Structure formats: structure tokens, C-alpha cells
Amino acid sequence: MTPAGHDAMAGANSKVVLTGSAATGFGSAGATARLQALLISVAHP
């Protein structure tokens, strides 16, 4: 990965699209969802 690519990923400049069906009643209940991700970088000498 290039330094610029790493900076973009770590700085949340990545675009992600999630698709799928919500559970029954999710929208009508006024529910929200939050996605969290853990990014780990390993530096190699």
C-alpha cells in the first residue's frame, strides 16, 4: 500500500457501500445502525 493510500484509509477517506435488507420493523421503529471498523497497519522494515 502506498503512503497516500494508507493516509486515505486511516483518515476515513474511503468510500464503502453496504447493501442488504433491513430486519422487519427496523425502519418503522426509528432504529439506527452504526458500523465500526478496526484498521491495523503493519510496518515492514
C-alpha atoms as a PDB file:
ATOM      1  CA  MET A   1       0.000   0.000   0.000  1.00  0.00           C
ATOM      2  CA  THR A   2       1.317   3.425  -0.858  1.00  0.00           C
ATOM      3  CA  PRO A   3       1.713   6.074   1.857  1.00  0.00           C
ATOM      4  CA  ALA A   4      -1.069   8.103   0.200  1.00  0.00           C
ATOM      5  CA  GLY A   5      -3.364   5.053   0.183  1.00  0.00           C
ATOM      6  CA  HIS A   6      -2.651   4.392   3.845  1.00  0.00           C
ATOM      7  CA  ASP A   7      -3.336   8.029   4.757  1.00  0.00           C
ATOM      8  CA  ALA A   8      -6.631   7.961   2.838  1.00  0.00           C
ATOM      9  CA  MET A   9      -7.711   4.751   4.553  1.00  0.00           C
ATOM     10  CA  ALA A  10      -6.687   5.869   8.037  1.00  0.00           C
ATOM     11  CA  GLY A  11      -8.228   9.303   7.501  1.00  0.00           C
ATOM     12  CA  ALA A  12     -11.597   7.767   6.604  1.00  0.00           C
ATOM     13  CA  ASN A  13     -11.416   8.982   3.017  1.00  0.00           C
ATOM     14  CA  SER A  14     -12.505   5.570   1.795  1.00  0.00           C
ATOM     15  CA  LYS A  15     -15.961   5.049   0.361  1.00  0.00           C
ATOM     16  CA  VAL A  16     -17.868   1.942   1.425  1.00  0.00           C
ATOM     17  CA  VAL A  17     -21.272   0.825   0.243  1.00  0.00           C
ATOM     18  CA  LEU A  18     -23.288  -1.698   2.220  1.00  0.00           C
ATOM     19  CA  THR A  19     -26.434  -3.200   0.772  1.00  0.00           C
ATOM     20  CA  GLY A  20     -28.970  -5.636   2.092  1.00  0.00           C
ATOM     21  CA  SER A  21     -32.378  -5.945   3.623  1.00  0.00           C
ATOM     22  CA  ALA A  22     -33.150  -4.420   6.994  1.00  0.00           C
ATOM     23  CA  ALA A  23     -34.799  -6.547   9.645  1.00  0.00           C
ATOM     24  CA  THR A  24     -38.570  -6.368   9.809  1.00  0.00           C
ATOM     25  CA  GLY A  25     -39.630  -3.320  11.808  1.00  0.00           C
ATOM     26  CA  PHE A  26     -36.179  -1.707  11.745  1.00  0.00           C
ATOM     27  CA  GLY A  27     -37.217   1.398   9.804  1.00  0.00           C
ATOM     28  CA  SER A  28     -40.633   1.824  11.406  1.00  0.00           C
ATOM     29  CA  ALA A  29     -39.076   1.597  14.894  1.00  0.00           C
ATOM     30  CA  GLY A  30     -36.917   4.643  14.153  1.00  0.00           C
ATOM     31  CA  ALA A  31     -33.829   2.496  14.700  1.00  0.00           C
ATOM     32  CA  THR A  32     -30.368   3.451  13.517  1.00  0.00           C
ATOM     33  CA  ALA A  33     -27.227   1.459  12.866  1.00  0.00           C
ATOM     34  CA  ARG A  34     -23.560   2.279  13.283  1.00  0.00           C
ATOM     35  CA  LEU A  35     -20.703   0.400  11.672  1.00  0.00           C
ATOM     36  CA  GLN A  36     -17.263   0.442  13.232  1.00  0.00           C
ATOM     37  CA  ALA A  37     -14.088  -0.978  11.769  1.00  0.00           C
ATOM     38  CA  LEU A  38     -10.659  -1.590  13.211  1.00  0.00           C
ATOM     39  CA  LEU A  39      -7.779  -0.975  10.820  1.00  0.00           C
ATOM     40  CA  ILE A  40      -4.383  -2.397  11.684  1.00  0.00           C
ATOM     41  CA  SER A  41      -1.256  -1.418   9.799  1.00  0.00           C
ATOM     42  CA  VAL A  42       1.961  -3.354   9.979  1.00  0.00           C
ATOM     43  CA  ALA A  43       5.161  -1.570   9.041  1.00  0.00           C
ATOM     44  CA  HIS A  44       7.826  -3.701   7.427  1.00  0.00           C
ATOM     45  CA  PRO A  45      11.439  -2.582   7.505  1.00  0.00           C
END
